[in-house]
Amino acid sequence: MLLKKQTVWLLTMLSLIIVLSVYYITAPGSGDDLAYLEKGKNTASTKQEQPAKNKKGSDAAVTSAAGDDLFTALRMKRDETRDELSSKYTAAIASPNASAEVQAEALAKISELQSLTMKESTLETLIKTMGYDDALVNTMDNEVRIIVKGKHSSNEAVKIMKKAEEQLGNKQVAVEFQKPAK
């Protein structure tokens, strides 16, 4: 009976990975508006950070697409990392040479990843309900990095940190604000 549960679990995880892979491959958008993170820097840069000049030389309005692309790119990077970890744990479960302890540990890690993903999603939704345009929560490497799109103040950062502590427990939290497009 235990082997059947593990087989069902494995097939479920593999199908989830396949569905996510197809989604990322077929997701709309072009590579021109991608955001890039520079190693060693706390801020992300995009190709559309500077306002564009129109033919008369005045500043053109920057659309919110660049900011949205930044959040999308960071979410995709976070999800790809999680998918790789999940695949690694799934492979450990499926390995015929793995002991029962290793398989149980891998199942626990997968469950932990799913729980963490759900907590991040909940926290992002809570931050958006506070009046922000978008929010990204990343809890990898035992620290919480929250990027919020909207106007910032010290009081708002403290409120966001308190929400993060309620959802994720006592972890080191860093809050960054991205200016919304005008």
Protein backbone atom coordinates (compact mmCIF):
# COMPACT_ATOMS: atom_id res chain seq x y z
CA MET A 1 0.00 0.00 0.00
CA LEU A 2 2.86 2.39 0.82
CA LEU A 3 4.46 1.81 -2.56
CA LYS A 4 1.21 2.79 -4.31
CA LYS A 5 1.00 6.06 -2.37
CA GLN A 6 4.59 6.88 -3.27
CA THR A 7 3.94 6.09 -6.91
CA VAL A 8 0.86 8.33 -6.97
CA TRP A 9 2.83 11.09 -5.24
CA LEU A 10 5.67 10.77 -7.75
CA LEU A 11 3.35 10.85 -10.75
CA THR A 12 1.55 13.88 -9.32
CA MET A 13 4.81 15.78 -8.86
CA LEU A 14 6.07 14.86 -12.32
CA SER A 15 2.82 15.96 -13.95
CA LEU A 16 2.98 19.24 -12.03
CA ILE A 17 6.50 19.84 -13.31
CA ILE A 18 5.43 19.09 -16.87
CA VAL A 19 2.44 21.44 -16.65
CA LEU A 20 4.59 24.25 -15.25
CA SER A 21 7.22 23.68 -17.93
CA VAL A 22 4.63 23.91 -20.69
CA TYR A 23 3.23 27.05 -19.10
CA TYR A 24 6.62 28.78 -18.98
CA ILE A 25 7.43 27.79 -22.54
CA THR A 26 4.12 29.01 -23.93
CA ALA A 27 3.75 32.09 -21.69
CA PRO A 28 3.23 35.26 -23.72
CA GLY A 29 5.93 37.93 -23.83
CA SER A 30 9.14 38.64 -25.58
CA GLY A 31 12.71 38.55 -24.38
CA ASP A 32 13.18 42.32 -24.97
CA ASP A 33 11.46 43.40 -21.77
CA LEU A 34 13.11 40.99 -19.35
CA ALA A 35 14.54 42.17 -16.06
CA TYR A 36 18.02 41.20 -15.02
CA LEU A 37 19.42 40.81 -11.54
CA GLU A 38 23.04 41.71 -11.10
CA LYS A 39 24.97 39.53 -8.68
CA GLY A 40 26.05 41.38 -5.56
CA LYS A 41 23.48 44.15 -6.01
CA ASN A 42 20.29 44.55 -4.03
CA THR A 43 18.33 46.24 -6.80
CA ALA A 44 17.22 44.84 -10.10
CA SER A 45 17.71 46.72 -13.32
CA THR A 46 15.56 46.63 -16.41
CA LYS A 47 16.12 47.75 -19.95
CA GLN A 48 13.32 50.30 -19.59
CA GLU A 49 14.36 52.06 -16.37
CA GLN A 50 15.01 55.43 -18.02
CA PRO A 51 12.07 57.33 -19.50
CA ALA A 52 12.08 57.20 -23.26
CA LYS A 53 12.34 60.40 -25.31
CA ASN A 54 9.82 61.04 -28.02
CA LYS A 55 10.58 62.95 -31.25
CA LYS A 56 10.06 66.36 -29.65
CA GLY A 57 12.56 65.58 -26.87
CA SER A 58 10.10 65.44 -23.97
CA ASP A 59 9.86 62.49 -21.64
CA ALA A 60 7.37 59.86 -22.72
CA ALA A 61 5.29 58.09 -20.13
CA VAL A 62 6.83 54.81 -19.07
CA THR A 63 4.32 52.03 -18.99
CA SER A 64 4.02 49.69 -16.07
CA ALA A 65 5.11 46.82 -18.31
CA ALA A 66 8.76 47.14 -17.25
CA GLY A 67 7.84 46.86 -13.57
CA ASP A 68 5.45 44.01 -14.24
CA ASP A 69 8.14 42.23 -16.24
CA LEU A 70 10.55 42.61 -13.32
CA PHE A 71 8.10 40.95 -10.95
CA THR A 72 7.30 38.26 -13.51
CA ALA A 73 10.97 37.52 -14.13
CA LEU A 74 11.73 37.30 -10.42
CA ARG A 75 8.73 35.03 -9.86
CA MET A 76 9.83 32.77 -12.71
CA LYS A 77 13.37 32.57 -11.32
CA ARG A 78 12.01 31.70 -7.86
CA ASP A 79 9.65 29.09 -9.31
CA GLU A 80 12.39 27.55 -11.48
CA THR A 81 14.61 27.18 -8.42
CA ARG A 82 11.76 25.52 -6.53
CA ASP A 83 11.01 23.24 -9.48
CA GLU A 84 14.65 22.15 -9.64
CA LEU A 85 14.63 21.34 -5.92
CA SER A 86 11.34 19.49 -6.28
CA SER A 87 12.72 17.49 -9.21
CA LYS A 88 15.80 16.63 -7.19
CA TYR A 89 13.68 15.40 -4.29
CA THR A 90 11.36 13.51 -6.64
CA ALA A 91 14.37 11.79 -8.21
CA ALA A 92 15.55 10.79 -4.73
CA ILE A 93 12.13 9.29 -4.02
CA ALA A 94 12.07 7.41 -7.32
CA SER A 95 15.59 6.08 -6.96
CA PRO A 96 15.53 2.31 -6.42
CA ASN A 97 18.76 2.54 -4.40
CA ALA A 98 17.42 5.13 -1.95
CA SER A 99 16.72 4.01 1.58
CA ALA A 100 13.37 4.56 3.23
CA GLU A 101 14.89 7.32 5.38
CA VAL A 102 16.16 9.22 2.33
CA GLN A 103 12.78 8.86 0.62
CA ALA A 104 10.92 10.03 3.72
CA GLU A 105 13.26 13.02 4.03
CA ALA A 106 12.72 13.91 0.36
CA LEU A 107 8.94 13.73 0.82
CA ALA A 108 9.21 16.00 3.85
CA LYS A 109 11.30 18.49 1.84
CA ILE A 110 8.73 18.51 -0.98
CA SER A 111 5.95 19.09 1.51
CA GLU A 112 7.98 21.90 3.09
CA LEU A 113 8.49 23.53 -0.32
CA GLN A 114 4.77 23.37 -1.05
CA SER A 115 3.93 24.85 2.35
CA LEU A 116 6.46 27.64 1.86
CA THR A 117 5.06 28.43 -1.58
CA MET A 118 1.56 28.66 -0.16
CA LYS A 119 2.71 30.94 2.68
CA GLU A 120 4.50 33.21 0.19
CA SER A 121 1.39 33.42 -1.97
CA THR A 122 -0.76 34.26 1.04
CA LEU A 123 1.67 36.97 2.15
CA GLU A 124 1.78 38.46 -1.37
CA THR A 125 -2.03 38.62 -1.38
CA LEU A 126 -2.09 40.24 2.08
CA ILE A 127 0.42 42.88 0.96
CA LYS A 128 -1.63 43.62 -2.18
CA THR A 129 -4.73 44.08 0.00
CA MET A 130 -2.81 46.78 1.87
CA GLY A 131 -3.11 48.89 -1.29
CA TYR A 132 0.04 48.00 -3.22
CA ASP A 133 0.07 47.29 -6.95
CA ASP A 134 2.18 44.13 -6.69
CA ALA A 135 4.34 42.24 -4.23
CA LEU A 136 6.91 39.47 -4.49
CA VAL A 137 7.96 37.34 -1.52
CA ASN A 138 11.04 35.12 -1.73
CA THR A 139 11.97 32.99 1.29
CA MET A 140 14.95 31.11 -0.06
CA ASP A 141 18.22 30.95 1.91
CA ASN A 142 16.58 31.37 5.35
CA GLU A 143 15.81 35.04 4.82
CA VAL A 144 12.71 36.74 3.54
CA ARG A 145 13.06 39.23 0.70
CA ILE A 146 9.93 41.22 -0.08
CA ILE A 147 9.73 43.53 -3.08
CA VAL A 148 6.71 45.80 -3.13
CA LYS A 149 5.51 47.97 -6.02
CA GLY A 150 4.20 51.24 -4.65
CA LYS A 151 5.06 54.29 -2.61
CA HIS A 152 6.99 53.57 0.53
CA SER A 153 7.39 54.82 4.06
CA SER A 154 9.05 53.46 7.17
CA ASN A 155 5.68 52.77 8.78
CA GLU A 156 4.51 50.77 5.79
CA ALA A 157 7.73 48.73 5.80
CA VAL A 158 7.20 47.90 9.47
CA LYS A 159 3.60 46.81 8.76
CA ILE A 160 4.81 44.56 5.95
CA MET A 161 7.50 43.07 8.22
CA LYS A 162 4.86 42.32 10.87
CA LYS A 163 2.67 40.58 8.27
CA ALA A 164 5.71 38.55 7.17
CA GLU A 165 6.43 37.54 10.75
CA GLU A 166 2.81 36.45 11.24
CA GLN A 167 2.87 34.29 8.12
CA LEU A 168 6.43 32.96 8.05
CA GLY A 169 7.66 33.10 11.62
CA ASN A 170 10.77 34.78 12.95
CA LYS A 171 13.09 35.19 10.01
CA GLN A 172 15.27 38.02 8.81
CA VAL A 173 13.07 40.18 6.57
CA ALA A 174 14.21 42.69 3.96
CA VAL A 175 11.62 44.95 2.32
CA GLU A 176 12.36 46.78 -0.93
CA PHE A 177 10.05 49.21 -2.68
CA GLN A 178 9.83 49.69 -6.43
CA LYS A 179 8.35 52.94 -7.67
CA PRO A 180 5.16 52.41 -9.64
CA ALA A 181 5.14 53.62 -13.24
CA LYS A 182 3.52 56.99 -13.68
